[in-house]
Amino acid sequence: MFALVHGAGKDEKIYDKTVNSPFRDTGLLEYLTGKQIKQIIVAGLQTDYCIDATVKCGFEHGFRMVVPEETNSTFDNQSMSAKKRMNIIIILCGRADMPIAFP
């Protein structure tokens, strides 16, 4: 189970999901299309589940999906720990012009 350490910022949104894809019944798709977002950067763990579904569904909805090198893994291991994942997400969040999906 994960918990937000600092919570969402004033203008940040949180979308809860119950399936692998963050686009199904969450309101995320409507939010992104309403903001005319064209590109999504995806970083996280569980490459073969949530990241896979996020990238495929995002592509099917017409988004340019970006998975930066060394930003995902299936297990907490030498190449991708939970701490490294969070550091990458913090760095990517500085790019206000590129929304990030958190699988």
Protein backbone atom coordinates (compact mmCIF):
# COMPACT_ATOMS: atom_id res chain seq x y z
CA MET A 1 0.00 0.00 0.00
CA PHE A 2 1.30 3.45 -0.92
CA ALA A 3 0.52 6.73 0.78
CA LEU A 4 1.05 10.31 -0.30
CA VAL A 5 3.79 11.89 1.76
CA HIS A 6 2.92 15.51 1.07
CA GLY A 7 -0.46 15.21 -0.59
CA ALA A 8 -1.47 16.86 -3.82
CA GLY A 9 -0.57 20.46 -4.48
CA LYS A 10 -3.21 23.14 -4.86
CA ASP A 11 -3.54 22.67 -8.64
CA GLU A 12 -2.70 18.95 -8.76
CA LYS A 13 -5.22 16.19 -9.33
CA ILE A 14 -5.29 12.64 -7.96
CA TYR A 15 -7.06 9.91 -9.92
CA ASP A 16 -7.78 6.61 -8.19
CA LYS A 17 -7.97 3.54 -10.39
CA THR A 18 -9.21 0.00 -9.87
CA VAL A 19 -7.75 -1.58 -13.03
CA ASN A 20 -4.36 -1.44 -14.79
CA SER A 21 -5.29 1.46 -17.04
CA PRO A 22 -5.61 4.92 -15.48
CA PHE A 23 -7.99 5.94 -18.29
CA ARG A 24 -10.90 3.64 -17.37
CA ASP A 25 -13.63 5.27 -15.28
CA THR A 26 -11.28 7.71 -13.54
CA GLY A 27 -11.90 11.05 -15.24
CA LEU A 28 -8.24 11.26 -16.30
CA LEU A 29 -9.00 10.95 -20.02
CA GLU A 30 -11.55 13.76 -19.86
CA TYR A 31 -9.15 15.95 -17.89
CA LEU A 32 -6.25 15.43 -20.32
CA THR A 33 -8.36 15.95 -23.43
CA GLY A 34 -9.98 19.01 -21.85
CA LYS A 35 -6.50 20.47 -21.27
CA GLN A 36 -5.53 19.52 -24.85
CA ILE A 37 -2.62 17.41 -23.59
CA LYS A 38 -0.92 15.51 -26.41
CA GLN A 39 2.01 13.79 -24.65
CA ILE A 40 2.26 11.74 -21.46
CA ILE A 41 5.45 10.62 -19.70
CA VAL A 42 5.09 7.33 -17.82
CA ALA A 43 7.44 6.20 -15.03
CA GLY A 44 6.95 3.53 -12.41
CA LEU A 45 7.00 -0.07 -11.33
CA GLN A 46 5.18 -3.12 -12.71
CA THR A 47 6.23 -2.73 -16.35
CA ASP A 48 4.22 -5.77 -17.44
CA TYR A 49 0.97 -4.64 -15.80
CA CYS A 50 0.16 -1.01 -15.15
CA ILE A 51 2.82 0.60 -17.34
CA ASP A 52 1.96 -1.69 -20.24
CA ALA A 53 -1.76 -0.93 -19.92
CA THR A 54 -1.17 2.79 -19.46
CA VAL A 55 1.03 3.10 -22.54
CA LYS A 56 -1.24 0.99 -24.76
CA CYS A 57 -4.46 2.70 -23.66
CA GLY A 58 -2.91 6.16 -23.87
CA PHE A 59 -1.73 5.43 -27.41
CA GLU A 60 -5.18 4.15 -28.37
CA HIS A 61 -6.63 7.45 -27.12
CA GLY A 62 -4.24 9.37 -29.38
CA PHE A 63 -1.60 10.48 -26.87
CA ARG A 64 2.11 10.43 -27.59
CA MET A 65 3.35 8.08 -24.86
CA VAL A 66 6.91 8.44 -23.57
CA VAL A 67 8.65 5.96 -21.26
CA PRO A 68 12.11 7.38 -20.50
CA GLU A 69 14.95 4.89 -20.34
CA GLU A 70 15.57 3.38 -16.89
CA THR A 71 12.36 4.79 -15.38
CA ASN A 72 10.46 1.54 -14.95
CA SER A 73 10.89 -2.00 -13.68
CA THR A 74 8.82 -4.95 -12.58
CA PHE A 75 10.63 -5.46 -9.28
CA ASP A 76 12.47 -3.32 -6.75
CA ASN A 77 16.00 -4.24 -7.93
CA GLN A 78 19.46 -2.80 -8.64
CA SER A 79 18.33 -0.90 -11.72
CA MET A 80 15.06 0.47 -10.29
CA SER A 81 14.26 0.81 -6.62
CA ALA A 82 11.17 2.48 -5.22
CA LYS A 83 13.39 5.34 -4.03
CA LYS A 84 14.90 5.81 -7.52
CA ARG A 85 11.41 5.74 -9.04
CA MET A 86 10.25 8.52 -6.73
CA ASN A 87 13.35 10.61 -7.46
CA ILE A 88 12.70 10.29 -11.19
CA ILE A 89 9.06 11.24 -10.74
CA ILE A 90 10.03 14.29 -8.69
CA ILE A 91 12.44 15.37 -11.44
CA LEU A 92 9.85 14.78 -14.19
CA CYS A 93 7.18 16.70 -12.27
CA GLY A 94 9.25 19.82 -12.77
CA ARG A 95 8.20 19.69 -16.42
CA ALA A 96 4.81 21.41 -16.17
CA ASP A 97 4.28 21.06 -19.92
CA MET A 98 4.41 17.25 -19.74
CA PRO A 99 1.77 15.54 -17.56
CA ILE A 100 2.84 12.33 -15.90
CA ALA A 101 0.72 9.22 -15.44
CA PHE A 102 1.44 7.25 -12.30
CA PRO A 103 0.55 3.63 -12.95
